C-alpha atoms as a PDB file:
ATOM      1  CA  MET A   1     111.805-182.542  25.670  1.00  0.00           C
ATOM      2  CA  ALA A   2     114.792-182.011  28.058  1.00  0.00           C
ATOM      3  CA  GLU A   3     117.988-180.711  26.628  1.00  0.00           C
ATOM      4  CA  ASN A   4     120.549-183.486  26.030  1.00  0.00           C
ATOM      5  CA  LEU A   5     123.524-183.023  28.331  1.00  0.00           C
ATOM      6  CA  ALA A   6     126.185-184.453  25.964  1.00  0.00           C
ATOM      7  CA  ALA A   7     129.043-184.042  28.383  1.00  0.00           C
ATOM      8  CA  LEU A   8     127.388-186.374  30.877  1.00  0.00           C
ATOM      9  CA  THR A   9     127.073-188.979  28.097  1.00  0.00           C
ATOM     10  CA  SER A  10     130.807-188.837  27.684  1.00  0.00           C
ATOM     11  CA  LEU A  11     131.395-189.015  31.434  1.00  0.00           C
ATOM     12  CA  ARG A  12     129.281-192.195  31.559  1.00  0.00           C
ATOM     13  CA  GLY A  13     131.453-193.641  28.789  1.00  0.00           C
ATOM     14  CA  ILE A  14     134.618-192.755  30.648  1.00  0.00           C
ATOM     15  CA  ALA A  15     133.233-194.413  33.813  1.00  0.00           C
ATOM     16  CA  ALA A  16     132.253-197.599  32.030  1.00  0.00           C
ATOM     17  CA  VAL A  17     135.740-197.853  30.498  1.00  0.00           C
ATOM     18  CA  VAL A  18     137.399-197.432  33.964  1.00  0.00           C
ATOM     19  CA  VAL A  19     135.152-200.139  35.468  1.00  0.00           C
ATOM     20  CA  LEU A  20     136.206-202.348  32.575  1.00  0.00           C
ATOM     21  CA  LEU A  21     139.875-201.639  33.257  1.00  0.00           C
ATOM     22  CA  TYR A  22     139.246-202.366  36.895  1.00  0.00           C
ATOM     23  CA  HIS A  23     137.911-205.852  35.960  1.00  0.00           C
ATOM     24  CA  LEU A  24     141.019-206.466  33.649  1.00  0.00           C
ATOM     25  CA  LYS A  25     143.709-205.247  35.979  1.00  0.00           C
ATOM     26  CA  VAL A  26     144.467-208.736  37.193  1.00  0.00           C
ATOM     27  CA  TYR A  27     145.841-209.476  33.665  1.00  0.00           C
ATOM     28  CA  LEU A  28     148.007-206.345  33.745  1.00  0.00           C
ATOM     29  CA  GLY A  29     150.219-207.318  36.684  1.00  0.00           C
ATOM     30  CA  PRO A  30     151.543-204.763  39.306  1.00  0.00           C
ATOM     31  CA  LEU A  31     150.909-201.181  38.349  1.00  0.00           C
ATOM     32  CA  PRO A  32     152.527-198.000  39.742  1.00  0.00           C
ATOM     33  CA  THR A  33     149.136-196.566  40.786  1.00  0.00           C
ATOM     34  CA  HIS A  34     146.017-197.466  42.841  1.00  0.00           C
ATOM     35  CA  PHE A  35     143.783-195.863  40.213  1.00  0.00           C
ATOM     36  CA  LEU A  36     142.417-199.167  38.994  1.00  0.00           C
ATOM     37  CA  ASP A  37     142.363-200.623  42.558  1.00  0.00           C
ATOM     38  CA  THR A  38     139.402-198.436  43.294  1.00  0.00           C
ATOM     39  CA  GLY A  39     137.853-198.558  39.891  1.00  0.00           C
ATOM     40  CA  TYR A  40     134.770-200.172  41.317  1.00  0.00           C
ATOM     41  CA  LEU A  41     133.856-196.717  42.702  1.00  0.00           C
ATOM     42  CA  TRP A  42     132.885-195.625  39.281  1.00  0.00           C
ATOM     43  CA  VAL A  43     129.734-197.642  39.696  1.00  0.00           C
ATOM     44  CA  ASP A  44     128.801-195.103  42.348  1.00  0.00           C
ATOM     45  CA  PHE A  45     129.605-192.449  39.806  1.00  0.00           C
ATOM     46  CA  PHE A  46     126.995-194.132  37.553  1.00  0.00           C
ATOM     47  CA  PHE A  47     124.468-193.830  40.359  1.00  0.00           C
ATOM     48  CA  VAL A  48     125.221-190.062  40.800  1.00  0.00           C
ATOM     49  CA  LEU A  49     124.897-189.549  37.059  1.00  0.00           C
ATOM     50  CA  SER A  50     121.594-191.460  37.091  1.00  0.00           C
ATOM     51  CA  GLY A  51     120.106-189.277  39.797  1.00  0.00           C
ATOM     52  CA  PHE A  52     121.200-186.069  37.957  1.00  0.00           C
ATOM     53  CA  VAL A  53     120.111-187.075  34.386  1.00  0.00           C
ATOM     54  CA  ILE A  54     116.801-188.660  35.577  1.00  0.00           C
ATOM     55  CA  SER A  55     116.023-185.351  37.390  1.00  0.00           C
ATOM     56  CA  HIS A  56     116.807-183.566  34.295  1.00  0.00           C
ATOM     57  CA  VAL A  57     114.652-185.685  32.023  1.00  0.00           C
ATOM     58  CA  TYR A  58     111.680-186.404  34.379  1.00  0.00           C
ATOM     59  CA  GLY A  59     111.667-183.604  36.881  1.00  0.00           C
ATOM     60  CA  ARG A  60     109.323-181.333  34.809  1.00  0.00           C
ATOM     61  CA  VAL A  61     107.250-184.358  33.885  1.00  0.00           C
ATOM     62  CA  PHE A  62     106.347-185.187  37.550  1.00  0.00           C
ATOM     63  CA  ALA A  63     105.692-181.450  38.114  1.00  0.00           C
ATOM     64  CA  THR A  64     103.283-181.072  35.221  1.00  0.00           C
ATOM     65  CA  THR A  65     101.610-184.572  34.973  1.00  0.00           C
ATOM     66  CA  PRO A  66      99.375-186.257  37.561  1.00  0.00           C
ATOM     67  CA  GLU A  67     101.825-188.328  39.642  1.00  0.00           C
ATOM     68  CA  GLN A  68     100.242-191.781  38.990  1.00  0.00           C
ATOM     69  CA  GLY A  69     100.471-191.416  35.302  1.00  0.00           C
ATOM     70  CA  ALA A  70     103.895-189.933  35.348  1.00  0.00           C
ATOM     71  CA  TYR A  71     105.180-192.643  37.781  1.00  0.00           C
ATOM     72  CA  ARG A  72     103.853-195.371  35.584  1.00  0.00           C
ATOM     73  CA  ARG A  73     105.384-194.063  32.503  1.00  0.00           C
ATOM     74  CA  PHE A  74     108.702-193.328  34.227  1.00  0.00           C
ATOM     75  CA  LEU A  75     108.983-196.896  35.555  1.00  0.00           C
ATOM     76  CA  VAL A  76     108.083-198.367  32.167  1.00  0.00           C
ATOM     77  CA  ALA A  77     110.776-196.216  30.427  1.00  0.00           C
ATOM     78  CA  ARG A  78     113.418-197.200  33.108  1.00  0.00           C
ATOM     79  CA  PHE A  79     112.487-200.845  32.844  1.00  0.00           C
ATOM     80  CA  ALA A  80     112.751-200.608  29.008  1.00  0.00           C
ATOM     81  CA  ARG A  81     116.185-198.939  29.385  1.00  0.00           C
ATOM     82  CA  ILE A  82     117.818-201.588  31.652  1.00  0.00           C
ATOM     83  CA  TYR A  83     116.020-204.894  31.307  1.00  0.00           C
ATOM     84  CA  PRO A  84     116.163-206.108  27.660  1.00  0.00           C
ATOM     85  CA  LEU A  85     119.975-206.214  27.663  1.00  0.00           C
ATOM     86  CA  HIS A  86     120.042-207.757  31.082  1.00  0.00           C
ATOM     87  CA  ALA A  87     117.603-210.504  30.013  1.00  0.00           C
ATOM     88  CA  ALA A  88     119.525-211.049  26.769  1.00  0.00           C
ATOM     89  CA  ILE A  89     122.748-211.634  28.691  1.00  0.00           C
ATOM     90  CA  LEU A  90     121.092-213.995  31.087  1.00  0.00           C
ATOM     91  CA  ALA A  91     119.804-215.956  28.081  1.00  0.00           C
ATOM     92  CA  TRP A  92     123.319-216.009  26.716  1.00  0.00           C
ATOM     93  CA  LEU A  93     124.667-217.358  29.910  1.00  0.00           C
ATOM     94  CA  CYS A  94     121.944-220.056  30.218  1.00  0.00           C
ATOM     95  CA  ILE A  95     122.772-221.235  26.762  1.00  0.00           C
ATOM     96  CA  ALA A  96     126.370-221.430  27.809  1.00  0.00           C
ATOM     97  CA  GLU A  97     125.524-223.517  30.792  1.00  0.00           C
ATOM     98  CA  LEU A  98     123.409-225.867  28.632  1.00  0.00           C
ATOM     99  CA  LEU A  99     126.386-226.183  26.288  1.00  0.00           C
ATOM    100  CA  ARG A 100     128.639-226.915  29.155  1.00  0.00           C
ATOM    101  CA  TRP A 101     126.154-229.692  30.347  1.00  0.00           C
ATOM    102  CA  TYR A 102     126.004-231.179  26.896  1.00  0.00           C
ATOM    103  CA  LEU A 103     129.867-231.254  26.378  1.00  0.00           C
ATOM    104  CA  ILE A 104     130.429-232.817  29.822  1.00  0.00           C
ATOM    105  CA  SER A 105     127.632-235.401  29.788  1.00  0.00           C
ATOM    106  CA  HIS A 106     127.825-236.422  26.102  1.00  0.00           C
ATOM    107  CA  HIS A 107     131.471-235.876  25.108  1.00  0.00           C
ATOM    108  CA  SER A 108     133.332-236.260  28.361  1.00  0.00           C
ATOM    109  CA  VAL A 109     134.766-232.829  28.274  1.00  0.00           C
ATOM    110  CA  ALA A 110     136.566-232.151  31.425  1.00  0.00           C
ATOM    111  CA  ASP A 111     135.619-228.945  33.296  1.00  0.00           C
ATOM    112  CA  VAL A 112     136.442-227.468  36.720  1.00  0.00           C
ATOM    113  CA  ARG A 113     132.880-226.371  37.295  1.00  0.00           C
ATOM    114  CA  PRO A 114     129.719-228.430  36.795  1.00  0.00           C
ATOM    115  CA  PRO A 115     126.836-226.831  34.788  1.00  0.00           C
ATOM    116  CA  PHE A 116     124.584-224.732  36.868  1.00  0.00           C
ATOM    117  CA  GLY A 117     127.074-225.098  39.749  1.00  0.00           C
ATOM    118  CA  PRO A 118     128.679-222.351  41.865  1.00  0.00           C
ATOM    119  CA  GLY A 119     128.111-219.007  40.390  1.00  0.00           C
ATOM    120  CA  ARG A 120     125.377-220.318  38.087  1.00  0.00           C
ATOM    121  CA  GLU A 121     122.805-221.578  40.455  1.00  0.00           C
ATOM    122  CA  LEU A 122     119.083-221.632  39.424  1.00  0.00           C
ATOM    123  CA  SER A 123     118.233-219.857  42.596  1.00  0.00           C
ATOM    124  CA  GLY A 124     120.630-217.043  41.511  1.00  0.00           C
ATOM    125  CA  LEU A 125     118.964-217.015  38.219  1.00  0.00           C
ATOM    126  CA  ALA A 126     115.519-216.440  39.775  1.00  0.00           C
ATOM    127  CA  SER A 127     116.848-213.398  41.726  1.00  0.00           C
ATOM    128  CA  ASN A 128     118.473-211.978  38.614  1.00  0.00           C
ATOM    129  CA  LEU A 129     115.387-212.353  36.563  1.00  0.00           C
ATOM    130  CA  THR A 130     113.376-210.431  39.174  1.00  0.00           C
ATOM    131  CA  LEU A 131     115.997-207.772  39.726  1.00  0.00           C
ATOM    132  CA  LEU A 132     116.457-208.687  43.426  1.00  0.00           C
ATOM    133  CA  GLN A 133     120.145-209.813  43.255  1.00  0.00           C
ATOM    134  CA  SER A 134     121.367-206.998  45.308  1.00  0.00           C
ATOM    135  CA  ILE A 135     118.488-206.857  47.759  1.00  0.00           C
ATOM    136  CA  GLY A 136     119.319-208.259  51.240  1.00  0.00           C
ATOM    137  CA  PRO A 137     118.419-211.939  51.588  1.00  0.00           C
ATOM    138  CA  PHE A 138     117.873-212.293  47.874  1.00  0.00           C
ATOM    139  CA  GLY A 139     121.422-211.073  47.113  1.00  0.00           C
ATOM    140  CA  THR A 140     123.717-212.943  44.822  1.00  0.00           C
ATOM    141  CA  GLU A 141     126.636-212.056  42.611  1.00  0.00           C
ATOM    142  CA  SER A 142     126.012-215.162  40.552  1.00  0.00           C
ATOM    143  CA  TRP A 143     125.425-215.103  36.789  1.00  0.00           C
ATOM    144  CA  ASN A 144     126.317-211.678  35.435  1.00  0.00           C
ATOM    145  CA  ARG A 145     128.058-209.988  38.389  1.00  0.00           C
ATOM    146  CA  PRO A 146     127.923-206.298  37.222  1.00  0.00           C
ATOM    147  CA  ALA A 147     124.143-206.633  37.089  1.00  0.00           C
ATOM    148  CA  TRP A 148     123.847-206.189  40.897  1.00  0.00           C
ATOM    149  CA  SER A 149     123.993-202.481  40.318  1.00  0.00           C
ATOM    150  CA  ILE A 150     120.971-202.330  38.000  1.00  0.00           C
ATOM    151  CA  SER A 151     119.061-204.184  40.646  1.00  0.00           C
ATOM    152  CA  ALA A 152     120.054-201.533  43.314  1.00  0.00           C
ATOM    153  CA  GLU A 153     119.245-198.787  40.864  1.00  0.00           C
ATOM    154  CA  PHE A 154     115.775-200.040  40.137  1.00  0.00           C
ATOM    155  CA  ALA A 155     115.009-199.874  43.752  1.00  0.00           C
ATOM    156  CA  ALA A 156     116.124-196.216  43.699  1.00  0.00           C
ATOM    157  CA  TYR A 157     113.888-195.616  40.658  1.00  0.00           C
ATOM    158  CA  LEU A 158     110.895-196.865  42.800  1.00  0.00           C
ATOM    159  CA  LEU A 159     111.692-194.067  45.313  1.00  0.00           C
ATOM    160  CA  PHE A 160     112.477-191.354  42.796  1.00  0.00           C
ATOM    161  CA  PRO A 161     109.380-189.315  43.313  1.00  0.00           C
ATOM    162  CA  VAL A 162     110.072-189.160  47.018  1.00  0.00           C
ATOM    163  CA  VAL A 163     113.745-188.308  46.488  1.00  0.00           C
ATOM    164  CA  LEU A 164     112.849-185.751  43.789  1.00  0.00           C
ATOM    165  CA  ARG A 165     110.417-184.042  46.216  1.00  0.00           C
ATOM    166  CA  LEU A 166     112.844-183.939  49.140  1.00  0.00           C
ATOM    167  CA  ALA A 167     115.585-182.609  46.763  1.00  0.00           C
ATOM    168  CA  ALA A 168     113.326-179.694  45.963  1.00  0.00           C
ATOM    169  CA  SER A 169     111.828-179.017  49.327  1.00  0.00           C
ATOM    170  CA  HIS A 170     114.517-179.977  51.876  1.00  0.00           C
ATOM    171  CA  PRO A 171     117.807-179.821  49.890  1.00  0.00           C
ATOM    172  CA  ARG A 172     119.935-179.247  52.885  1.00  0.00           C
ATOM    173  CA  TRP A 173     118.504-182.117  54.851  1.00  0.00           C
ATOM    174  CA  LEU A 174     118.866-184.542  51.863  1.00  0.00           C
ATOM    175  CA  THR A 175     122.328-183.270  51.154  1.00  0.00           C
ATOM    176  CA  ALA A 176     123.619-183.964  54.729  1.00  0.00           C
ATOM    177  CA  VAL A 177     121.910-187.486  54.717  1.00  0.00           C
ATOM    178  CA  SER A 178     123.290-188.466  51.308  1.00  0.00           C
ATOM    179  CA  LEU A 179     126.791-187.244  52.006  1.00  0.00           C
ATOM    180  CA  CYS A 180     126.925-189.007  55.384  1.00  0.00           C
ATOM    181  CA  GLY A 181     125.909-192.154  53.529  1.00  0.00           C
ATOM    182  CA  LEU A 182     128.568-191.719  50.845  1.00  0.00           C
ATOM    183  CA  MET A 183     131.273-191.279  53.509  1.00  0.00           C
ATOM    184  CA  THR A 184     130.221-194.190  55.620  1.00  0.00           C
ATOM    185  CA  TRP A 185     129.109-197.000  53.425  1.00  0.00           C
ATOM    186  CA  PRO A 186     132.784-198.059  52.594  1.00  0.00           C
ATOM    187  CA  TRP A 187     133.559-198.267  56.322  1.00  0.00           C
ATOM    188  CA  ILE A 188     130.459-200.350  57.003  1.00  0.00           C
ATOM    189  CA  LEU A 189     131.403-202.854  54.366  1.00  0.00           C
ATOM    190  CA  SER A 190     135.031-202.955  55.720  1.00  0.00           C
ATOM    191  CA  VAL A 191     133.654-204.063  59.124  1.00  0.00           C
ATOM    192  CA  TRP A 192     130.717-206.093  57.792  1.00  0.00           C
ATOM    193  CA  PRO A 193     131.641-207.504  54.443  1.00  0.00           C
ATOM    194  CA  GLU A 194     128.886-210.194  54.575  1.00  0.00           C
ATOM    195  CA  GLY A 195     126.338-207.385  54.676  1.00  0.00           C
ATOM    196  CA  GLU A 196     127.127-206.457  51.214  1.00  0.00           C
ATOM    197  CA  PHE A 197     123.702-207.029  49.876  1.00  0.00           C
ATOM    198  CA  TYR A 198     122.074-205.268  52.714  1.00  0.00           C
ATOM    199  CA  VAL A 199     124.324-202.150  52.115  1.00  0.00           C
ATOM    200  CA  ALA A 200     124.093-202.194  48.284  1.00  0.00           C
ATOM    201  CA  PRO A 201     120.490-200.547  47.979  1.00  0.00           C
ATOM    202  CA  PHE A 202     121.445-197.785  50.387  1.00  0.00           C
ATOM    203  CA  ARG A 203     124.824-197.349  48.582  1.00  0.00           C
ATOM    204  CA  CYS A 204     122.978-196.707  45.510  1.00  0.00           C
ATOM    205  CA  LEU A 205     120.234-194.530  47.072  1.00  0.00           C
ATOM    206  CA  PHE A 206     122.794-192.197  48.682  1.00  0.00           C
ATOM    207  CA  SER A 207     124.560-191.683  45.403  1.00  0.00           C
ATOM    208  CA  PHE A 208     121.254-191.303  43.479  1.00  0.00           C
ATOM    209  CA  ALA A 209     120.004-188.750  45.904  1.00  0.00           C
ATOM    210  CA  ALA A 210     123.298-186.839  45.745  1.00  0.00           C
ATOM    211  CA  GLY A 211     122.810-186.703  41.992  1.00  0.00           C
ATOM    212  CA  CYS A 212     119.299-185.324  42.337  1.00  0.00           C
ATOM    213  CA  ILE A 213     120.683-182.642  44.708  1.00  0.00           C
ATOM    214  CA  ALA A 214     123.519-181.840  42.281  1.00  0.00           C
ATOM    215  CA  TYR A 215     120.737-181.240  39.671  1.00  0.00           C
ATOM    216  CA  GLN A 216     118.846-178.835  41.907  1.00  0.00           C
ATOM    217  CA  ALA A 217     122.220-176.929  42.224  1.00  0.00           C
ATOM    218  CA  PHE A 218     122.515-177.008  38.487  1.00  0.00           C
ATOM    219  CA  LEU A 219     119.087-175.478  38.029  1.00  0.00           C
ATOM    220  CA  LYS A 220     119.916-172.638  40.221  1.00  0.00           C
ATOM    221  CA  ARG A 221     123.354-171.964  38.897  1.00  0.00           C
ATOM    222  CA  SER A 222     125.774-173.612  36.549  1.00  0.00           C
ATOM    223  CA  ALA A 223     129.179-174.319  38.111  1.00  0.00           C
ATOM    224  CA  PRO A 224     131.832-171.711  37.791  1.00  0.00           C
ATOM    225  CA  ALA A 225     134.236-172.359  34.891  1.00  0.00           C
ATOM    226  CA  TRP A 226     137.257-172.579  37.263  1.00  0.00           C
ATOM    227  CA  ILE A 227     135.869-175.343  39.442  1.00  0.00           C
ATOM    228  CA  ALA A 228     135.891-178.304  36.949  1.00  0.00           C
ATOM    229  CA  MET A 229     139.610-178.953  36.792  1.00  0.00           C
ATOM    230  CA  PRO A 230     140.400-178.739  40.536  1.00  0.00           C
ATOM    231  CA  VAL A 231     137.467-181.127  41.321  1.00  0.00           C
ATOM    232  CA  ALA A 232     138.533-183.664  38.577  1.00  0.00           C
ATOM    233  CA  ALA A 233     142.112-183.404  39.763  1.00  0.00           C
ATOM    234  CA  TYR A 234     141.119-184.088  43.367  1.00  0.00           C
ATOM    235  CA  VAL A 235     139.274-187.273  42.324  1.00  0.00           C
ATOM    236  CA  ILE A 236     142.028-188.512  39.989  1.00  0.00           C
ATOM    237  CA  VAL A 237     144.823-187.915  42.616  1.00  0.00           C
ATOM    238  CA  ASP A 238     142.783-189.581  45.264  1.00  0.00           C
ATOM    239  CA  LEU A 239     142.142-192.585  43.078  1.00  0.00           C
ATOM    240  CA  HIS A 240     145.867-192.668  42.203  1.00  0.00           C
ATOM    241  CA  LEU A 241     146.749-192.700  46.031  1.00  0.00           C
ATOM    242  CA  GLY A 242     144.124-195.176  46.869  1.00  0.00           C
ATOM    243  CA  ILE A 243     142.793-193.174  49.904  1.00  0.00           C
ATOM    244  CA  TYR A 244     139.648-194.035  51.845  1.00  0.00           C
ATOM    245  CA  PRO A 245     136.871-194.502  49.328  1.00  0.00           C
ATOM    246  CA  GLY A 246     134.394-192.312  51.163  1.00  0.00           C
ATOM    247  CA  LEU A 247     136.758-189.345  50.563  1.00  0.00           C
ATOM    248  CA  ILE A 248     136.406-189.964  46.835  1.00  0.00           C
ATOM    249  CA  VAL A 249     132.656-190.646  46.265  1.00  0.00           C
ATOM    250  CA  TRP A 250     131.591-187.533  48.067  1.00  0.00           C
ATOM    251  CA  ALA A 251     133.108-185.359  45.266  1.00  0.00           C
ATOM    252  CA  PHE A 252     131.321-187.283  42.424  1.00  0.00           C
ATOM    253  CA  PRO A 253     128.229-185.032  42.621  1.00  0.00           C
ATOM    254  CA  LEU A 254     130.705-182.094  42.266  1.00  0.00           C
ATOM    255  CA  VAL A 255     132.131-183.457  39.197  1.00  0.00           C
ATOM    256  CA  VAL A 256     128.754-184.078  37.634  1.00  0.00           C
ATOM    257  CA  TRP A 257     127.687-180.516  38.503  1.00  0.00           C
ATOM    258  CA  ALA A 258     130.934-179.057  37.275  1.00  0.00           C
ATOM    259  CA  PHE A 259     130.896-180.815  33.899  1.00  0.00           C
ATOM    260  CA  ALA A 260     127.229-180.620  33.227  1.00  0.00           C
ATOM    261  CA  GLY A 261     127.408-177.185  31.382  1.00  0.00           C
ATOM    262  CA  GLY A 262     129.719-174.339  30.504  1.00  0.00           C
ATOM    263  CA  PRO A 263     133.300-174.567  29.207  1.00  0.00           C
ATOM    264  CA  ALA A 264     133.848-177.806  30.982  1.00  0.00           C
ATOM    265  CA  ALA A 265     131.041-179.488  29.149  1.00  0.00           C
ATOM    266  CA  ARG A 266     132.607-178.455  25.824  1.00  0.00           C
ATOM    267  CA  LEU A 267     135.720-180.375  26.730  1.00  0.00           C
ATOM    268  CA  LEU A 268     133.781-183.649  26.694  1.00  0.00           C
ATOM    269  CA  ALA A 269     131.734-182.979  23.529  1.00  0.00           C
ATOM    270  CA  ALA A 270     134.145-184.958  21.246  1.00  0.00           C
ATOM    271  CA  GLN A 271     132.125-187.407  19.094  1.00  0.00           C
ATOM    272  CA  PRO A 272     134.246-190.582  20.001  1.00  0.00           C
ATOM    273  CA  LEU A 273     133.609-189.879  23.690  1.00  0.00           C
ATOM    274  CA  ILE A 274     129.861-189.498  23.138  1.00  0.00           C
ATOM    275  CA  PHE A 275     129.881-192.669  21.108  1.00  0.00           C
ATOM    276  CA  VAL A 276     131.555-194.612  23.931  1.00  0.00           C
ATOM    277  CA  GLY A 277     128.904-192.982  26.357  1.00  0.00           C
ATOM    278  CA  ASP A 278     126.006-194.151  24.053  1.00  0.00           C
ATOM    279  CA  ILE A 279     127.185-197.808  24.240  1.00  0.00           C
ATOM    280  CA  SER A 280     128.383-197.469  27.857  1.00  0.00           C
ATOM    281  CA  TYR A 281     125.565-199.558  29.322  1.00  0.00           C
ATOM    282  CA  SER A 282     126.439-202.361  26.960  1.00  0.00           C
ATOM    283  CA  ILE A 283     130.016-202.099  27.756  1.00  0.00           C
ATOM    284  CA  TYR A 284     129.363-202.332  31.525  1.00  0.00           C
ATOM    285  CA  MET A 285     126.846-205.278  31.188  1.00  0.00           C
ATOM    286  CA  ILE A 286     128.721-207.473  28.735  1.00  0.00           C
ATOM    287  CA  GLN A 287     132.208-207.045  30.135  1.00  0.00           C
ATOM    288  CA  SER A 288     132.227-209.928  32.692  1.00  0.00           C
ATOM    289  CA  PRO A 289     130.894-212.566  30.292  1.00  0.00           C
ATOM    290  CA  VAL A 290     133.198-211.476  27.487  1.00  0.00           C
ATOM    291  CA  ILE A 291     136.262-211.582  29.820  1.00  0.00           C
ATOM    292  CA  VAL A 292     135.392-215.044  31.006  1.00  0.00           C
ATOM    293  CA  LEU A 293     134.672-216.239  27.522  1.00  0.00           C
ATOM    294  CA  PHE A 294     138.059-215.005  26.258  1.00  0.00           C
ATOM    295  CA  ASP A 295     139.944-216.353  29.235  1.00  0.00           C
ATOM    296  CA  GLN A 296     138.266-219.794  29.073  1.00  0.00           C
ATOM    297  CA  GLY A 297     138.523-219.929  25.361  1.00  0.00           C
ATOM    298  CA  LEU A 298     142.172-219.305  25.359  1.00  0.00           C
ATOM    299  CA  ARG A 299     142.796-221.832  28.125  1.00  0.00           C
ATOM    300  CA  PHE A 300     140.735-224.488  26.274  1.00  0.00           C
ATOM    301  CA  ALA A 301     142.679-223.764  23.018  1.00  0.00           C
ATOM    302  CA  LYS A 302     145.939-223.823  24.971  1.00  0.00           C
ATOM    303  CA  ILE A 303     146.857-220.383  23.471  1.00  0.00           C
ATOM    304  CA  SER A 304     149.321-218.327  25.525  1.00  0.00           C
ATOM    305  CA  ILE A 305     149.347-214.552  25.139  1.00  0.00           C
ATOM    306  CA  SER A 306     150.726-211.759  27.246  1.00  0.00           C
ATOM    307  CA  GLY A 307     148.373-209.927  29.711  1.00  0.00           C
ATOM    308  CA  THR A 308     148.688-206.673  27.848  1.00  0.00           C
ATOM    309  CA  THR A 309     147.667-208.355  24.576  1.00  0.00           C
ATOM    310  CA  PHE A 310     144.773-210.121  26.257  1.00  0.00           C
ATOM    311  CA  VAL A 311     143.517-206.803  27.599  1.00  0.00           C
ATOM    312  CA  MET A 312     143.696-205.133  24.237  1.00  0.00           C
ATOM    313  CA  LEU A 313     141.887-207.957  22.533  1.00  0.00           C
ATOM    314  CA  VAL A 314     139.166-207.990  25.110  1.00  0.00           C
ATOM    315  CA  ILE A 315     138.729-204.178  24.939  1.00  0.00           C
ATOM    316  CA  VAL A 316     138.277-204.280  21.102  1.00  0.00           C
ATOM    317  CA  ALA A 317     135.913-207.165  21.358  1.00  0.00           C
ATOM    318  CA  ILE A 318     133.833-205.502  24.068  1.00  0.00           C
ATOM    319  CA  VAL A 319     133.497-202.290  22.113  1.00  0.00           C
ATOM    320  CA  VAL A 320     132.454-204.169  18.881  1.00  0.00           C
ATOM    321  CA  ILE A 321     129.965-206.358  20.753  1.00  0.00           C
ATOM    322  CA  ALA A 322     128.668-203.416  22.846  1.00  0.00           C
ATOM    323  CA  SER A 323     127.987-201.480  19.640  1.00  0.00           C
ATOM    324  CA  ALA A 324     126.043-204.336  18.242  1.00  0.00           C
ATOM    325  CA  THR A 325     124.046-204.996  21.382  1.00  0.00           C
ATOM    326  CA  TYR A 326     123.226-201.250  21.683  1.00  0.00           C
ATOM    327  CA  HIS A 327     121.926-201.083  18.116  1.00  0.00           C
ATOM    328  CA  TRP A 328     120.215-204.441  17.971  1.00  0.00           C
ATOM    329  CA  ILE A 329     118.991-204.972  21.573  1.00  0.00           C
ATOM    330  CA  GLU A 330     118.930-201.819  23.567  1.00  0.00           C
ATOM    331  CA  LYS A 331     117.498-199.383  21.134  1.00  0.00           C
ATOM    332  CA  PRO A 332     114.791-201.446  19.456  1.00  0.00           C
ATOM    333  CA  CYS A 333     113.584-203.035  22.647  1.00  0.00           C
ATOM    334  CA  ARG A 334     113.510-199.748  24.460  1.00  0.00           C
ATOM    335  CA  GLY A 335     111.217-198.318  21.741  1.00  0.00           C
ATOM    336  CA  TRP A 336     109.093-201.367  21.751  1.00  0.00           C
ATOM    337  CA  LEU A 337     108.568-201.574  25.544  1.00  0.00           C
ATOM    338  CA  ARG A 338     107.961-197.946  25.943  1.00  0.00           C
ATOM    339  CA  GLY A 339     104.953-198.292  23.755  1.00  0.00           C
ATOM    340  CA  PHE A 340     103.060-200.123  26.439  1.00  0.00           C
END
């Protein structure tokens, strides 16, 4: 079994929290930093981490097992990792829409949005159920918006054996392609915003491939102890200044490589950080529905609280709910599905 890289679990938790704060920044008012304005880039950090960790876990498996059998077990394992919670959240949102329909049609409860209306269309539900919501003509941000990334990532899983082979046999070529992609996708979206769902799979694949390349570098040599802090400082300062995103995301593979082992990894070995990392997928996936639930619930009850109080309450609720969904949905369903 591959060694557990605990520091990367902590990094995943930190990334999930920053994405959560990015979605909550509207409640905080003006801030003296652009750090949260570009918080969405930590989704790209997830993609890099995914390429690195999956190479670590499955690289030897593909090298020692006939590819067809290894590929099938790999896809089953990845499906078991991401789909049960995704399906559970979609079920929760469907129940919420049915409740909305019941209250409007039977109790004349006023609402600004009809059930299964904009953002909750049945066509969008179909693309979400089939993990196609980030793919070209099937693309939709409806239902659970953060789930677009797991759609793009599953497309990267399908190509993992090819990416793994290229990372091992043509690392310079793959490095050049992935870094060019990381540098250019923000510009493409800035001039072609309606192409979001055509860019998303490539956005994920470039970052995923960069993570695979970073792992090949890690196999050859752990990062020097001195490099972790300058690389982390570069990313933090650039996020604070709000510079061109392409100048930020190219450094993410360096961050993962730098913190994967050695003294830098020990800095992230604190148990609370690892706990947040363990539940990070649940934090990421439930945040949008929970934020909407709190916001609409307070409006319906006509309760007024400050933005800071709202953010604190939502964060506490998300951590509690994420811990529950991790232990009651993610872990048991993962074990059950991997038995197939």
